[in-house]
Amino acid sequence: MTFVSYFPGRGTLREQAYFEGKADGKAEGKAEGRAEGMAEGKAEGAAEALAMAAGTVVRLLDRRLVPLPEDARERITACTDLDVLARWLDRAFTVQSVDELFAEDTPPTP
């Protein structure tokens, strides 16, 4: 009767293949995890940038005592376009009303 031992460290071909597969799986899992983490980080960063820009526009208008109706406040905080928020922030330094803030962003009525 022969006894076959699969005890780790024997250096068999099967054992080598197992450890190589395990190492490949770990490397692949780390790469996927890193990519997912980077994507999540970018999304969180973009969301923070939007919130900060919108909050800055609202705060600047509040500090300048520009009347800010609730619907305008919601429009600013719901905006997801950084270019638009940057434009509003630039205007917020000089406008006297929210109508001026949104002036060029409102499509003309026919």
C-alpha atoms as a PDB file:
ATOM      1  CA  MET A   1       0.000   0.000   0.000  1.00  0.00           C
ATOM      2  CA  THR A   2       1.380   3.396  -0.918  1.00  0.00           C
ATOM      3  CA  PHE A   3       0.849   6.500   1.096  1.00  0.00           C
ATOM      4  CA  VAL A   4       0.565   9.844  -0.706  1.00  0.00           C
ATOM      5  CA  SER A   5       1.010  12.978   1.348  1.00  0.00           C
ATOM      6  CA  TYR A   6      -0.230  16.340   0.154  1.00  0.00           C
ATOM      7  CA  PHE A   7       1.335  18.079   3.097  1.00  0.00           C
ATOM      8  CA  PRO A   8       2.296  21.662   2.195  1.00  0.00           C
ATOM      9  CA  GLY A   9       5.909  22.202   1.366  1.00  0.00           C
ATOM     10  CA  ARG A  10       6.425  19.001  -0.595  1.00  0.00           C
ATOM     11  CA  GLY A  11       6.975  20.941  -3.847  1.00  0.00           C
ATOM     12  CA  THR A  12       4.701  18.825  -5.989  1.00  0.00           C
ATOM     13  CA  LEU A  13       3.522  20.127  -9.345  1.00  0.00           C
ATOM     14  CA  ARG A  14      -0.045  20.188  -8.067  1.00  0.00           C
ATOM     15  CA  GLU A  15       1.000  22.196  -5.033  1.00  0.00           C
ATOM     16  CA  GLN A  16       2.950  24.669  -7.171  1.00  0.00           C
ATOM     17  CA  ALA A  17      -0.041  25.167  -9.473  1.00  0.00           C
ATOM     18  CA  TYR A  18      -2.272  25.673  -6.450  1.00  0.00           C
ATOM     19  CA  PHE A  19      -0.025  28.358  -4.955  1.00  0.00           C
ATOM     20  CA  GLU A  20       0.461  30.089  -8.325  1.00  0.00           C
ATOM     21  CA  GLY A  21      -3.313  30.164  -8.831  1.00  0.00           C
ATOM     22  CA  LYS A  22      -3.786  31.472  -5.327  1.00  0.00           C
ATOM     23  CA  ALA A  23      -1.189  34.229  -5.911  1.00  0.00           C
ATOM     24  CA  ASP A  24      -2.766  35.147  -9.259  1.00  0.00           C
ATOM     25  CA  GLY A  25      -6.191  35.304  -7.630  1.00  0.00           C
ATOM     26  CA  LYS A  26      -4.900  37.563  -4.874  1.00  0.00           C
ATOM     27  CA  ALA A  27      -3.207  39.882  -7.386  1.00  0.00           C
ATOM     28  CA  GLU A  28      -6.326  40.028  -9.528  1.00  0.00           C
ATOM     29  CA  GLY A  29      -8.519  40.686  -6.490  1.00  0.00           C
ATOM     30  CA  LYS A  30      -6.220  43.477  -5.317  1.00  0.00           C
ATOM     31  CA  ALA A  31      -6.236  45.101  -8.762  1.00  0.00           C
ATOM     32  CA  GLU A  32     -10.030  44.950  -8.955  1.00  0.00           C
ATOM     33  CA  GLY A  33     -10.347  46.285  -5.416  1.00  0.00           C
ATOM     34  CA  ARG A  34      -7.938  49.116  -6.166  1.00  0.00           C
ATOM     35  CA  ALA A  35      -9.846  50.055  -9.333  1.00  0.00           C
ATOM     36  CA  GLU A  36     -13.179  50.007  -7.482  1.00  0.00           C
ATOM     37  CA  GLY A  37     -11.705  52.073  -4.666  1.00  0.00           C
ATOM     38  CA  MET A  38     -10.348  54.645  -7.087  1.00  0.00           C
ATOM     39  CA  ALA A  39     -13.703  54.918  -8.860  1.00  0.00           C
ATOM     40  CA  GLU A  40     -15.521  55.325  -5.545  1.00  0.00           C
ATOM     41  CA  GLY A  41     -12.982  57.916  -4.425  1.00  0.00           C
ATOM     42  CA  LYS A  42     -13.425  59.926  -7.617  1.00  0.00           C
ATOM     43  CA  ALA A  43     -17.207  59.817  -7.277  1.00  0.00           C
ATOM     44  CA  GLU A  44     -17.020  60.921  -3.638  1.00  0.00           C
ATOM     45  CA  GLY A  45     -14.591  63.693  -4.559  1.00  0.00           C
ATOM     46  CA  ALA A  46     -16.873  64.957  -7.312  1.00  0.00           C
ATOM     47  CA  ALA A  47     -19.873  64.905  -4.973  1.00  0.00           C
ATOM     48  CA  GLU A  48     -17.917  66.838  -2.344  1.00  0.00           C
ATOM     49  CA  ALA A  49     -16.792  69.396  -4.929  1.00  0.00           C
ATOM     50  CA  LEU A  50     -20.388  69.932  -6.071  1.00  0.00           C
ATOM     51  CA  ALA A  51     -21.651  70.297  -2.508  1.00  0.00           C
ATOM     52  CA  MET A  52     -18.865  72.705  -1.617  1.00  0.00           C
ATOM     53  CA  ALA A  53     -19.407  74.859  -4.718  1.00  0.00           C
ATOM     54  CA  ALA A  54     -23.169  75.010  -4.187  1.00  0.00           C
ATOM     55  CA  GLY A  55     -22.731  75.780  -0.503  1.00  0.00           C
ATOM     56  CA  THR A  56     -20.301  78.576  -1.337  1.00  0.00           C
ATOM     57  CA  VAL A  57     -22.736  80.182  -3.782  1.00  0.00           C
ATOM     58  CA  VAL A  58     -25.567  80.026  -1.242  1.00  0.00           C
ATOM     59  CA  ARG A  59     -23.387  81.334   1.587  1.00  0.00           C
ATOM     60  CA  LEU A  60     -22.037  84.211  -0.491  1.00  0.00           C
ATOM     61  CA  LEU A  61     -25.544  85.267  -1.485  1.00  0.00           C
ATOM     62  CA  ASP A  62     -26.688  85.006   2.140  1.00  0.00           C
ATOM     63  CA  ARG A  63     -23.719  87.082   3.386  1.00  0.00           C
ATOM     64  CA  ARG A  64     -24.388  89.726   0.737  1.00  0.00           C
ATOM     65  CA  LEU A  65     -28.046  89.765   1.862  1.00  0.00           C
ATOM     66  CA  VAL A  66     -29.309  88.852  -1.601  1.00  0.00           C
ATOM     67  CA  PRO A  67     -32.832  87.488  -1.151  1.00  0.00           C
ATOM     68  CA  LEU A  68     -32.735  83.764  -1.847  1.00  0.00           C
ATOM     69  CA  PRO A  69     -36.133  82.061  -2.205  1.00  0.00           C
ATOM     70  CA  GLU A  70     -36.311  78.388  -1.312  1.00  0.00           C
ATOM     71  CA  ASP A  71     -36.778  77.282  -4.943  1.00  0.00           C
ATOM     72  CA  ALA A  72     -33.596  79.146  -5.957  1.00  0.00           C
ATOM     73  CA  ARG A  73     -31.696  77.628  -3.010  1.00  0.00           C
ATOM     74  CA  GLU A  74     -32.859  74.166  -4.112  1.00  0.00           C
ATOM     75  CA  ARG A  75     -31.859  74.868  -7.728  1.00  0.00           C
ATOM     76  CA  ILE A  76     -28.354  75.808  -6.606  1.00  0.00           C
ATOM     77  CA  THR A  77     -27.895  72.853  -4.258  1.00  0.00           C
ATOM     78  CA  ALA A  78     -29.356  70.373  -6.793  1.00  0.00           C
ATOM     79  CA  CYS A  79     -27.034  71.502  -9.599  1.00  0.00           C
ATOM     80  CA  THR A  80     -24.628  68.768 -10.730  1.00  0.00           C
ATOM     81  CA  ASP A  81     -22.646  70.778 -13.277  1.00  0.00           C
ATOM     82  CA  LEU A  82     -19.429  72.259 -11.887  1.00  0.00           C
ATOM     83  CA  ASP A  83     -19.151  74.692 -14.811  1.00  0.00           C
ATOM     84  CA  VAL A  84     -22.578  76.136 -14.060  1.00  0.00           C
ATOM     85  CA  LEU A  85     -21.790  76.352 -10.346  1.00  0.00           C
ATOM     86  CA  ALA A  86     -18.518  78.128 -11.136  1.00  0.00           C
ATOM     87  CA  ARG A  87     -20.399  80.614 -13.313  1.00  0.00           C
ATOM     88  CA  TRP A  88     -22.943  81.216 -10.538  1.00  0.00           C
ATOM     89  CA  LEU A  89     -20.152  81.653  -8.010  1.00  0.00           C
ATOM     90  CA  ASP A  90     -18.497  84.295 -10.191  1.00  0.00           C
ATOM     91  CA  ARG A  91     -21.817  86.125 -10.556  1.00  0.00           C
ATOM     92  CA  ALA A  92     -22.670  85.821  -6.847  1.00  0.00           C
ATOM     93  CA  PHE A  93     -20.078  88.513  -6.051  1.00  0.00           C
ATOM     94  CA  THR A  94     -21.960  91.200  -7.986  1.00  0.00           C
ATOM     95  CA  VAL A  95     -25.626  90.247  -8.479  1.00  0.00           C
ATOM     96  CA  GLN A  96     -28.430  91.998  -6.635  1.00  0.00           C
ATOM     97  CA  SER A  97     -31.010  89.235  -7.181  1.00  0.00           C
ATOM     98  CA  VAL A  98     -31.224  85.560  -8.029  1.00  0.00           C
ATOM     99  CA  ASP A  99     -32.776  86.537 -11.341  1.00  0.00           C
ATOM    100  CA  GLU A 100     -29.419  88.082 -12.260  1.00  0.00           C
ATOM    101  CA  LEU A 101     -27.636  84.970 -10.992  1.00  0.00           C
ATOM    102  CA  PHE A 102     -29.653  82.685 -13.287  1.00  0.00           C
ATOM    103  CA  ALA A 103     -30.075  85.210 -16.155  1.00  0.00           C
ATOM    104  CA  GLU A 104     -28.027  83.512 -18.875  1.00  0.00           C
ATOM    105  CA  ASP A 105     -28.910  79.997 -17.712  1.00  0.00           C
ATOM    106  CA  THR A 106     -32.633  80.378 -18.337  1.00  0.00           C
ATOM    107  CA  PRO A 107     -33.628  79.376 -21.876  1.00  0.00           C
ATOM    108  CA  PRO A 108     -35.327  82.221 -23.744  1.00  0.00           C
ATOM    109  CA  THR A 109     -39.091  81.979 -24.055  1.00  0.00           C
ATOM    110  CA  PRO A 110     -40.477  82.041 -27.625  1.00  0.00           C
END
